[in-house]
Amino acid sequence: LVQAGGSLRLSCAASGRTFSSYNMGWFRQ
């Protein structure tokens, strides 16, 4: 929960050895 005008940094940790070969995306709903 953050006030309008504020900032956040989201993280997404992935399993697997081949992460560096994959494109990644963020979506929201």
Full PDB file with SEQRES, HELIX, SHEET, SSBOND, CRYST1, ORIGX, SCALE, CONECT and MASTER records, all heavy atoms in Angstrom:
SEQRES   1 A   29  LEU VAL GLN ALA GLY GLY SER LEU ARG LEU SER CYS ALA          
SEQRES   2 A   29  ALA SER GLY ARG THR PHE SER SER TYR ASN MET GLY TRP          
SEQRES   3 A   29  PHE ARG GLN                                                  
HELIX    1 AA1 PHE A   19  SER A   21  5                                   3    
CRYST1    1.000    1.000    1.000  90.00  90.00  90.00 P 1           1          
ORIGX1      1.000000  0.000000  0.000000        0.00000                         
ORIGX2      0.000000  1.000000  0.000000        0.00000                         
ORIGX3      0.000000  0.000000  1.000000        0.00000                         
SCALE1      1.000000  0.000000  0.000000        0.00000                         
SCALE2      0.000000  1.000000  0.000000        0.00000                         
SCALE3      0.000000  0.000000  1.000000        0.00000                         
ATOM      1  N   LEU A   1       0.857  -1.182   0.000  1.00  0.00           N  
ATOM      2  CA  LEU A   1       0.000   0.000   0.000  1.00  0.00           C  
ATOM      3  C   LEU A   1       0.892   1.230   0.000  1.00  0.00           C  
ATOM      4  O   LEU A   1       1.773   1.369   0.848  1.00  0.00           O  
ATOM      5  CB  LEU A   1      -0.893  -0.021   1.247  1.00  0.00           C  
ATOM      6  CG  LEU A   1      -1.750   1.229   1.496  1.00  0.00           C  
ATOM      7  CD1 LEU A   1      -2.760   1.409   0.370  1.00  0.00           C  
ATOM      8  CD2 LEU A   1      -2.455   1.107   2.840  1.00  0.00           C  
ATOM      9  N   VAL A   2       0.659   2.123  -0.933  1.00  0.00           N  
ATOM     10  CA  VAL A   2       1.498   3.315  -1.067  1.00  0.00           C  
ATOM     11  C   VAL A   2       0.613   4.496  -1.441  1.00  0.00           C  
ATOM     12  O   VAL A   2      -0.414   4.314  -2.105  1.00  0.00           O  
ATOM     13  CB  VAL A   2       2.604   3.079  -2.112  1.00  0.00           C  
ATOM     14  CG1 VAL A   2       2.018   2.856  -3.488  1.00  0.00           C  
ATOM     15  CG2 VAL A   2       3.604   4.223  -2.127  1.00  0.00           C  
ATOM     16  N   GLN A   3       1.015   5.675  -1.024  1.00  0.00           N  
ATOM     17  CA  GLN A   3       0.268   6.872  -1.374  1.00  0.00           C  
ATOM     18  C   GLN A   3       0.544   7.290  -2.806  1.00  0.00           C  
ATOM     19  O   GLN A   3       1.630   7.007  -3.350  1.00  0.00           O  
ATOM     20  CB  GLN A   3       0.640   8.015  -0.434  1.00  0.00           C  
ATOM     21  CG  GLN A   3       0.081   7.869   0.976  1.00  0.00           C  
ATOM     22  CD  GLN A   3       0.299   9.107   1.814  1.00  0.00           C  
ATOM     23  OE1 GLN A   3       1.272   9.844   1.611  1.00  0.00           O  
ATOM     24  NE2 GLN A   3      -0.584   9.342   2.766  1.00  0.00           N  
ATOM     25  N   ALA A   4      -0.415   7.949  -3.397  1.00  0.00           N  
ATOM     26  CA  ALA A   4      -0.231   8.476  -4.743  1.00  0.00           C  
ATOM     27  C   ALA A   4       1.020   9.348  -4.786  1.00  0.00           C  
ATOM     28  O   ALA A   4       1.277  10.125  -3.861  1.00  0.00           O  
ATOM     29  CB  ALA A   4      -1.449   9.269  -5.175  1.00  0.00           C  
ATOM     30  N   GLY A   5       1.784   9.173  -5.858  1.00  0.00           N  
ATOM     31  CA  GLY A   5       3.045   9.891  -6.001  1.00  0.00           C  
ATOM     32  C   GLY A   5       4.245   9.126  -5.497  1.00  0.00           C  
ATOM     33  O   GLY A   5       5.390   9.520  -5.757  1.00  0.00           O  
ATOM     34  N   GLY A   6       4.005   8.057  -4.775  1.00  0.00           N  
ATOM     35  CA  GLY A   6       5.087   7.255  -4.231  1.00  0.00           C  
ATOM     36  C   GLY A   6       5.672   6.292  -5.245  1.00  0.00           C  
ATOM     37  O   GLY A   6       5.304   6.295  -6.425  1.00  0.00           O  
ATOM     38  N   SER A   7       6.584   5.450  -4.748  1.00  0.00           N  
ATOM     39  CA  SER A   7       7.294   4.508  -5.617  1.00  0.00           C  
ATOM     40  C   SER A   7       7.319   3.123  -4.979  1.00  0.00           C  
ATOM     41  O   SER A   7       7.232   2.983  -3.752  1.00  0.00           O  
ATOM     42  CB  SER A   7       8.733   4.969  -5.839  1.00  0.00           C  
ATOM     43  OG  SER A   7       8.779   6.217  -6.493  1.00  0.00           O  
ATOM     44  N   LEU A   8       7.463   2.135  -5.825  1.00  0.00           N  
ATOM     45  CA  LEU A   8       7.651   0.754  -5.398  1.00  0.00           C  
ATOM     46  C   LEU A   8       8.588   0.079  -6.380  1.00  0.00           C  
ATOM     47  O   LEU A   8       8.648   0.468  -7.559  1.00  0.00           O  
ATOM     48  CB  LEU A   8       6.324  -0.023  -5.386  1.00  0.00           C  
ATOM     49  CG  LEU A   8       5.347   0.171  -4.243  1.00  0.00           C  
ATOM     50  CD1 LEU A   8       4.055  -0.587  -4.541  1.00  0.00           C  
ATOM     51  CD2 LEU A   8       5.940  -0.282  -2.922  1.00  0.00           C  
ATOM     52  N   ARG A   9       9.287  -0.923  -5.894  1.00  0.00           N  
ATOM     53  CA  ARG A   9      10.043  -1.785  -6.800  1.00  0.00           C  
ATOM     54  C   ARG A   9       9.562  -3.211  -6.599  1.00  0.00           C  
ATOM     55  O   ARG A   9       9.710  -3.778  -5.509  1.00  0.00           O  
ATOM     56  CB  ARG A   9      11.551  -1.702  -6.569  1.00  0.00           C  
ATOM     57  CG  ARG A   9      12.309  -2.462  -7.663  1.00  0.00           C  
ATOM     58  CD  ARG A   9      13.812  -2.325  -7.558  1.00  0.00           C  
ATOM     59  NE  ARG A   9      14.387  -3.227  -6.571  1.00  0.00           N  
ATOM     60  CZ  ARG A   9      15.640  -3.652  -6.603  1.00  0.00           C  
ATOM     61  NH1 ARG A   9      16.463  -3.254  -7.573  1.00  0.00           N  
ATOM     62  NH2 ARG A   9      16.100  -4.445  -5.648  1.00  0.00           N  
ATOM     63  N   LEU A  10       9.006  -3.761  -7.651  1.00  0.00           N  
ATOM     64  CA  LEU A  10       8.565  -5.142  -7.628  1.00  0.00           C  
ATOM     65  C   LEU A  10       9.693  -6.034  -8.115  1.00  0.00           C  
ATOM     66  O   LEU A  10      10.476  -5.647  -8.988  1.00  0.00           O  
ATOM     67  CB  LEU A  10       7.345  -5.332  -8.531  1.00  0.00           C  
ATOM     68  CG  LEU A  10       6.172  -4.382  -8.300  1.00  0.00           C  
ATOM     69  CD1 LEU A  10       5.009  -4.758  -9.219  1.00  0.00           C  
ATOM     70  CD2 LEU A  10       5.741  -4.368  -6.859  1.00  0.00           C  
ATOM     71  N   SER A  11       9.766  -7.225  -7.540  1.00  0.00           N  
ATOM     72  CA  SER A  11      10.766  -8.210  -7.940  1.00  0.00           C  
ATOM     73  C   SER A  11      10.066  -9.493  -8.348  1.00  0.00           C  
ATOM     74  O   SER A  11       8.985  -9.811  -7.854  1.00  0.00           O  
ATOM     75  CB  SER A  11      11.727  -8.512  -6.795  1.00  0.00           C  
ATOM     76  OG  SER A  11      12.429  -7.367  -6.391  1.00  0.00           O  
ATOM     77  N   CYS A  12      10.698 -10.203  -9.238  1.00  0.00           N  
ATOM     78  CA  CYS A  12      10.189 -11.506  -9.676  1.00  0.00           C  
ATOM     79  C   CYS A  12      11.385 -12.448  -9.753  1.00  0.00           C  
ATOM     80  O   CYS A  12      12.256 -12.289 -10.611  1.00  0.00           O  
ATOM     81  CB  CYS A  12       9.506 -11.391 -11.023  1.00  0.00           C  
ATOM     82  SG  CYS A  12       9.022 -12.966 -11.752  1.00  0.00           S  
ATOM     83  N   ALA A  13      11.420 -13.399  -8.846  1.00  0.00           N  
ATOM     84  CA  ALA A  13      12.504 -14.372  -8.799  1.00  0.00           C  
ATOM     85  C   ALA A  13      12.104 -15.624  -9.551  1.00  0.00           C  
ATOM     86  O   ALA A  13      11.004 -16.156  -9.348  1.00  0.00           O  
ATOM     87  CB  ALA A  13      12.833 -14.712  -7.357  1.00  0.00           C  
ATOM     88  N   ALA A  14      12.986 -16.086 -10.416  1.00  0.00           N  
ATOM     89  CA  ALA A  14      12.698 -17.240 -11.269  1.00  0.00           C  
ATOM     90  C   ALA A  14      13.583 -18.413 -10.915  1.00  0.00           C  
ATOM     91  O   ALA A  14      14.757 -18.241 -10.568  1.00  0.00           O  
ATOM     92  CB  ALA A  14      12.891 -16.862 -12.728  1.00  0.00           C  
ATOM     93  N   SER A  15      13.019 -19.595 -11.034  1.00  0.00           N  
ATOM     94  CA  SER A  15      13.808 -20.810 -10.851  1.00  0.00           C  
ATOM     95  C   SER A  15      14.352 -21.236 -12.204  1.00  0.00           C  
ATOM     96  O   SER A  15      13.888 -20.795 -13.249  1.00  0.00           O  
ATOM     97  CB  SER A  15      12.936 -21.922 -10.282  1.00  0.00           C  
ATOM     98  OG  SER A  15      11.925 -22.268 -11.212  1.00  0.00           O  
ATOM     99  N   GLY A  16      15.334 -22.104 -12.192  1.00  0.00           N  
ATOM    100  CA  GLY A  16      15.822 -22.654 -13.446  1.00  0.00           C  
ATOM    101  C   GLY A  16      17.119 -22.038 -13.919  1.00  0.00           C  
ATOM    102  O   GLY A  16      17.403 -20.868 -13.681  1.00  0.00           O  
ATOM    103  N   ARG A  17      17.909 -22.851 -14.609  1.00  0.00           N  
ATOM    104  CA  ARG A  17      19.230 -22.429 -15.042  1.00  0.00           C  
ATOM    105  C   ARG A  17      19.207 -21.598 -16.302  1.00  0.00           C  
ATOM    106  O   ARG A  17      20.201 -20.978 -16.645  1.00  0.00           O  
ATOM    107  CB  ARG A  17      20.106 -23.664 -15.276  1.00  0.00           C  
ATOM    108  CG  ARG A  17      20.351 -24.504 -14.038  1.00  0.00           C  
ATOM    109  CD  ARG A  17      21.120 -25.753 -14.398  1.00  0.00           C  
ATOM    110  NE  ARG A  17      20.352 -26.597 -15.302  1.00  0.00           N  
ATOM    111  CZ  ARG A  17      20.852 -27.657 -15.897  1.00  0.00           C  
ATOM    112  NH1 ARG A  17      22.116 -27.989 -15.724  1.00  0.00           N  
ATOM    113  NH2 ARG A  17      20.098 -28.395 -16.682  1.00  0.00           N  
ATOM    114  N   THR A  18      18.085 -21.608 -17.018  1.00  0.00           N  
ATOM    115  CA  THR A  18      18.059 -20.978 -18.335  1.00  0.00           C  
ATOM    116  C   THR A  18      17.323 -19.648 -18.326  1.00  0.00           C  
ATOM    117  O   THR A  18      16.925 -19.149 -19.368  1.00  0.00           O  
ATOM    118  CB  THR A  18      17.397 -21.913 -19.357  1.00  0.00           C  
ATOM    119  OG1 THR A  18      16.132 -22.329 -18.866  1.00  0.00           O  
ATOM    120  CG2 THR A  18      18.281 -23.115 -19.623  1.00  0.00           C  
ATOM    121  N   PHE A  19      17.178 -19.046 -17.141  1.00  0.00           N  
ATOM    122  CA  PHE A  19      16.487 -17.768 -17.034  1.00  0.00           C  
ATOM    123  C   PHE A  19      17.075 -16.744 -17.981  1.00  0.00           C  
ATOM    124  O   PHE A  19      16.349 -15.971 -18.592  1.00  0.00           O  
ATOM    125  CB  PHE A  19      16.577 -17.273 -15.589  1.00  0.00           C  
ATOM    126  CG  PHE A  19      16.096 -15.862 -15.385  1.00  0.00           C  
ATOM    127  CD1 PHE A  19      14.748 -15.604 -15.255  1.00  0.00           C  
ATOM    128  CD2 PHE A  19      16.996 -14.802 -15.312  1.00  0.00           C  
ATOM    129  CE1 PHE A  19      14.297 -14.305 -15.059  1.00  0.00           C  
ATOM    130  CE2 PHE A  19      16.559 -13.511 -15.117  1.00  0.00           C  
ATOM    131  CZ  PHE A  19      15.201 -13.254 -14.987  1.00  0.00           C  
ATOM    132  N   SER A  20      18.385 -16.738 -18.113  1.00  0.00           N  
ATOM    133  CA  SER A  20      19.054 -15.703 -18.909  1.00  0.00           C  
ATOM    134  C   SER A  20      18.788 -15.821 -20.400  1.00  0.00           C  
ATOM    135  O   SER A  20      19.195 -14.937 -21.165  1.00  0.00           O  
ATOM    136  CB  SER A  20      20.556 -15.741 -18.649  1.00  0.00           C  
ATOM    137  OG  SER A  20      21.077 -17.001 -19.012  1.00  0.00           O  
ATOM    138  N   SER A  21      18.102 -16.872 -20.828  1.00  0.00           N  
ATOM    139  CA  SER A  21      17.796 -17.016 -22.251  1.00  0.00           C  
ATOM    140  C   SER A  21      16.348 -16.648 -22.578  1.00  0.00           C  
ATOM    141  O   SER A  21      15.929 -16.756 -23.737  1.00  0.00           O  
ATOM    142  CB  SER A  21      18.074 -18.446 -22.712  1.00  0.00           C  
ATOM    143  OG  SER A  21      17.220 -19.358 -22.053  1.00  0.00           O  
ATOM    144  N   TYR A  22      15.588 -16.208 -21.577  1.00  0.00           N  
ATOM    145  CA  TYR A  22      14.161 -15.982 -21.763  1.00  0.00           C  
ATOM    146  C   TYR A  22      13.778 -14.502 -21.655  1.00  0.00           C  
ATOM    147  O   TYR A  22      14.221 -13.804 -20.732  1.00  0.00           O  
ATOM    148  CB  TYR A  22      13.354 -16.729 -20.707  1.00  0.00           C  
ATOM    149  CG  TYR A  22      13.502 -18.226 -20.730  1.00  0.00           C  
ATOM    150  CD1 TYR A  22      13.429 -18.956 -19.565  1.00  0.00           C  
ATOM    151  CD2 TYR A  22      13.708 -18.921 -21.916  1.00  0.00           C  
ATOM    152  CE1 TYR A  22      13.546 -20.335 -19.566  1.00  0.00           C  
ATOM    153  CE2 TYR A  22      13.837 -20.293 -21.930  1.00  0.00           C  
ATOM    154  CZ  TYR A  22      13.749 -21.002 -20.756  1.00  0.00           C  
ATOM    155  OH  TYR A  22      13.872 -22.363 -20.770  1.00  0.00           O  
ATOM    156  N   ASN A  23      12.896 -14.074 -22.547  1.00  0.00           N  
ATOM    157  CA  ASN A  23      12.272 -12.771 -22.382  1.00  0.00           C  
ATOM    158  C   ASN A  23      11.272 -12.828 -21.228  1.00  0.00           C  
ATOM    159  O   ASN A  23      10.653 -13.869 -20.983  1.00  0.00           O  
ATOM    160  CB  ASN A  23      11.536 -12.359 -23.654  1.00  0.00           C  
ATOM    161  CG  ASN A  23      12.452 -12.147 -24.834  1.00  0.00           C  
ATOM    162  OD1 ASN A  23      13.678 -12.043 -24.678  1.00  0.00           O  
ATOM    163  ND2 ASN A  23      11.878 -12.088 -26.019  1.00  0.00           N  
ATOM    164  N   MET A  24      11.128 -11.701 -20.545  1.00  0.00           N  
ATOM    165  CA  MET A  24      10.241 -11.629 -19.389  1.00  0.00           C  
ATOM    166  C   MET A  24       9.256 -10.472 -19.547  1.00  0.00           C  
ATOM    167  O   MET A  24       9.571  -9.468 -20.219  1.00  0.00           O  
ATOM    168  CB  MET A  24      11.054 -11.399 -18.108  1.00  0.00           C  
ATOM    169  CG  MET A  24      12.071 -12.464 -17.802  1.00  0.00           C  
ATOM    170  SD  MET A  24      11.318 -14.036 -17.339  1.00  0.00           S  
ATOM    171  CE  MET A  24      10.495 -13.581 -15.812  1.00  0.00           C  
ATOM    172  N   GLY A  25       8.108 -10.601 -18.922  1.00  0.00           N  
ATOM    173  CA  GLY A  25       7.119  -9.537 -18.994  1.00  0.00           C  
ATOM    174  C   GLY A  25       6.436  -9.305 -17.657  1.00  0.00           C  
ATOM    175  O   GLY A  25       6.467 -10.162 -16.770  1.00  0.00           O  
ATOM    176  N   TRP A  26       5.869  -8.114 -17.530  1.00  0.00           N  
ATOM    177  CA  TRP A  26       5.007  -7.773 -16.398  1.00  0.00           C  
ATOM    178  C   TRP A  26       3.622  -7.403 -16.945  1.00  0.00           C  
ATOM    179  O   TRP A  26       3.519  -6.670 -17.948  1.00  0.00           O  
ATOM    180  CB  TRP A  26       5.565  -6.579 -15.620  1.00  0.00           C  
ATOM    181  CG  TRP A  26       6.719  -6.870 -14.733  1.00  0.00           C  
ATOM    182  CD1 TRP A  26       8.050  -6.716 -15.013  1.00  0.00           C  
ATOM    183  CD2 TRP A  26       6.652  -7.367 -13.384  1.00  0.00           C  
ATOM    184  NE1 TRP A  26       8.804  -7.077 -13.939  1.00  0.00           N  
ATOM    185  CE2 TRP A  26       7.974  -7.476 -12.920  1.00  0.00           C  
ATOM    186  CE3 TRP A  26       5.621  -7.718 -12.527  1.00  0.00           C  
ATOM    187  CZ2 TRP A  26       8.295  -7.933 -11.632  1.00  0.00           C  
ATOM    188  CZ3 TRP A  26       5.932  -8.165 -11.258  1.00  0.00           C  
ATOM    189  CH2 TRP A  26       7.256  -8.267 -10.826  1.00  0.00           C  
ATOM    190  N   PHE A  27       2.614  -7.900 -16.261  1.00  0.00           N  
ATOM    191  CA  PHE A  27       1.228  -7.580 -16.561  1.00  0.00           C  
ATOM    192  C   PHE A  27       0.554  -7.150 -15.266  1.00  0.00           C  
ATOM    193  O   PHE A  27       1.096  -7.357 -14.184  1.00  0.00           O  
ATOM    194  CB  PHE A  27       0.494  -8.802 -17.127  1.00  0.00           C  
ATOM    195  CG  PHE A  27       0.910  -9.182 -18.517  1.00  0.00           C  
ATOM    196  CD1 PHE A  27       2.140  -9.774 -18.759  1.00  0.00           C  
ATOM    197  CD2 PHE A  27       0.067  -8.959 -19.595  1.00  0.00           C  
ATOM    198  CE1 PHE A  27       2.533 -10.121 -20.054  1.00  0.00           C  
ATOM    199  CE2 PHE A  27       0.435  -9.311 -20.884  1.00  0.00           C  
ATOM    200  CZ  PHE A  27       1.676  -9.899 -21.105  1.00  0.00           C  
ATOM    201  N   ARG A  28      -0.628  -6.585 -15.374  1.00  0.00           N  
ATOM    202  CA  ARG A  28      -1.393  -6.242 -14.178  1.00  0.00           C  
ATOM    203  C   ARG A  28      -2.876  -6.457 -14.444  1.00  0.00           C  
ATOM    204  O   ARG A  28      -3.319  -6.411 -15.580  1.00  0.00           O  
ATOM    205  CB  ARG A  28      -1.130  -4.804 -13.740  1.00  0.00           C  
ATOM    206  CG  ARG A  28      -1.614  -3.738 -14.716  1.00  0.00           C  
ATOM    207  CD  ARG A  28      -1.181  -2.357 -14.235  1.00  0.00           C  
ATOM    208  NE  ARG A  28      -1.648  -1.309 -15.131  1.00  0.00           N  
ATOM    209  CZ  ARG A  28      -1.340  -0.022 -14.988  1.00  0.00           C  
ATOM    210  NH1 ARG A  28      -0.562   0.371 -13.982  1.00  0.00           N  
ATOM    211  NH2 ARG A  28      -1.806   0.865 -15.850  1.00  0.00           N  
ATOM    212  N   GLN A  29      -3.599  -6.679 -13.353  1.00  0.00           N  
ATOM    213  CA  GLN A  29      -5.042  -6.872 -13.467  1.00  0.00           C  
ATOM    214  C   GLN A  29      -5.729  -6.145 -12.320  1.00  0.00           C  
ATOM    215  O   GLN A  29      -5.504  -6.478 -11.146  1.00  0.00           O  
ATOM    216  CB  GLN A  29      -5.413  -8.357 -13.457  1.00  0.00           C  
ATOM    217  CG  GLN A  29      -6.873  -8.611 -13.760  1.00  0.00           C  
ATOM    218  CD  GLN A  29      -7.151 -10.068 -14.052  1.00  0.00           C  
ATOM    219  OE1 GLN A  29      -6.348 -10.958 -13.746  1.00  0.00           O  
ATOM    220  NE2 GLN A  29      -8.290 -10.330 -14.675  1.00  0.00           N  
TER     221      GLN A  29                                                      
MASTER        0    0    0    1    0    0    0    6  220    1    0    3          
END                                                                             
